[in-house]
Protein backbone atom coordinates (compact mmCIF):
# COMPACT_ATOMS: atom_id res chain seq x y z
CA MET A 1 163.67 -37.64 -67.71
CA GLU A 2 165.10 -34.79 -65.89
CA ASN A 3 166.64 -34.87 -62.52
CA VAL A 4 164.62 -32.99 -59.80
CA VAL A 5 166.83 -33.14 -57.18
CA ILE A 6 170.32 -32.90 -57.52
CA ALA A 7 173.17 -32.93 -54.72
CA GLU A 8 176.66 -32.71 -55.09
CA LYS A 9 179.15 -33.18 -52.43
CA LEU A 10 177.13 -31.91 -49.92
CA THR A 11 178.27 -31.30 -46.28
CA LYS A 12 176.92 -30.12 -42.93
CA LYS A 13 179.02 -29.50 -39.98
CA PHE A 14 178.03 -28.38 -36.62
CA GLY A 15 181.38 -26.78 -35.61
CA GLU A 16 183.91 -29.81 -35.91
CA PHE A 17 181.32 -32.82 -36.10
CA ILE A 18 180.34 -33.81 -39.58
CA ALA A 19 176.50 -34.37 -39.47
CA THR A 20 176.26 -34.99 -43.50
CA ASN A 21 180.02 -35.69 -45.30
CA GLN A 22 180.04 -35.28 -49.14
CA ILE A 23 176.75 -36.90 -50.04
CA SER A 24 175.92 -36.75 -54.27
CA PHE A 25 173.10 -38.40 -56.09
CA ALA A 26 170.31 -37.32 -58.23
CA VAL A 27 166.53 -38.60 -58.21
CA LYS A 28 164.54 -37.92 -61.40
CA LYS A 29 161.23 -36.83 -61.55
CA GLY A 30 158.69 -39.25 -60.79
CA GLU A 31 161.52 -41.40 -59.20
CA ILE A 32 160.44 -42.46 -55.76
CA PHE A 33 163.73 -42.03 -53.58
CA GLY A 34 164.39 -42.88 -49.93
CA PHE A 35 167.06 -42.52 -47.23
CA LEU A 36 168.47 -45.30 -45.70
CA GLY A 37 170.63 -45.74 -42.35
CA ALA A 38 171.65 -45.85 -38.53
CA ASN A 39 170.60 -43.26 -36.10
CA GLY A 40 173.06 -40.31 -36.50
CA ALA A 41 174.16 -41.26 -40.28
CA GLY A 42 173.05 -37.65 -41.61
CA LYS A 43 169.70 -38.80 -43.55
CA THR A 44 167.28 -35.58 -41.25
CA THR A 45 170.41 -32.95 -41.92
CA ALA A 46 170.23 -33.82 -45.36
CA MET A 47 166.73 -33.93 -46.16
CA ARG A 48 166.73 -30.32 -43.79
CA MET A 49 168.99 -29.02 -46.19
CA LEU A 50 167.25 -30.21 -49.66
CA CYS A 51 164.43 -28.37 -47.82
CA GLY A 52 165.34 -25.26 -47.40
CA LEU A 53 165.60 -25.57 -43.59
CA LEU A 54 169.32 -26.10 -43.15
CA THR A 55 172.01 -23.87 -44.71
CA PRO A 56 174.58 -26.29 -45.89
CA SER A 57 178.34 -26.22 -45.21
CA SER A 58 180.08 -26.79 -48.45
CA GLY A 59 178.96 -28.67 -51.83
CA ARG A 60 176.18 -28.06 -53.97
CA ALA A 61 172.30 -28.65 -54.11
CA SER A 62 168.94 -28.04 -56.03
CA VAL A 63 165.41 -29.10 -55.62
CA ALA A 64 162.69 -28.71 -58.41
CA GLY A 65 165.51 -25.85 -60.46
CA PHE A 66 166.03 -24.13 -57.44
CA ASP A 67 169.60 -23.94 -55.73
CA VAL A 68 169.30 -24.48 -52.16
CA PHE A 69 172.11 -21.66 -50.97
CA THR A 70 169.97 -18.84 -52.33
CA GLN A 71 166.38 -20.12 -53.36
CA ALA A 72 165.55 -21.95 -50.16
CA GLU A 73 162.41 -19.34 -50.20
CA ARG A 74 161.21 -20.78 -53.69
CA ILE A 75 161.90 -24.50 -52.65
CA LYS A 76 159.92 -24.38 -49.71
CA GLU A 77 156.99 -23.00 -51.64
CA ARG A 78 156.67 -25.94 -54.27
CA ILE A 79 157.77 -28.74 -52.06
CA GLY A 80 155.60 -30.66 -49.35
CA TYR A 81 157.98 -32.38 -46.56
CA MET A 82 156.61 -35.14 -43.59
CA SER A 83 159.48 -36.34 -41.58
CA GLN A 84 159.47 -40.01 -39.86
CA LYS A 85 158.46 -38.91 -37.07
CA PHE A 86 155.62 -35.83 -36.55
CA SER A 87 151.94 -35.30 -34.41
CA LEU A 88 149.26 -37.17 -35.49
CA TYR A 89 145.94 -36.22 -34.41
CA GLU A 90 145.02 -39.74 -32.62
CA ASP A 91 141.09 -38.98 -32.89
CA LEU A 92 141.57 -38.55 -36.87
CA THR A 93 142.27 -41.17 -39.53
CA ILE A 94 145.28 -40.71 -41.26
CA ARG A 95 143.28 -39.35 -43.71
CA GLU A 96 141.69 -36.34 -41.54
CA ASN A 97 145.46 -36.11 -40.81
CA ILE A 98 146.91 -35.46 -43.97
CA ARG A 99 144.15 -33.12 -44.99
CA PHE A 100 144.33 -31.07 -41.69
CA TYR A 101 148.26 -30.80 -42.10
CA GLY A 102 148.06 -30.50 -46.30
CA ALA A 103 145.56 -27.40 -44.91
CA TYR A 104 148.84 -25.37 -43.56
CA MET A 105 150.26 -25.14 -46.79
CA VAL A 106 147.58 -23.27 -48.36
């Protein structure tokens, strides 16, 4: 199976602080992949880079065949991302919340 997410030595620095330090992995089509780690380990930073929301400091990465450095907008057009912490409308069911937020992507 083909790799749909590739990260090679992906790094993000904020000044002298290294938020994500040379992470490397690949995710195959159809595979379920998750990040585990303590608060401050760089999980959210890594996801933001892969979603095209944050430019990496160094390394290489692609999502669905698109380069995170040069084709971030193409990545955003093709993926959906819901963080662990998000705002649900409590008067809606989970299904209704997903449909509501999904409507924004259209």
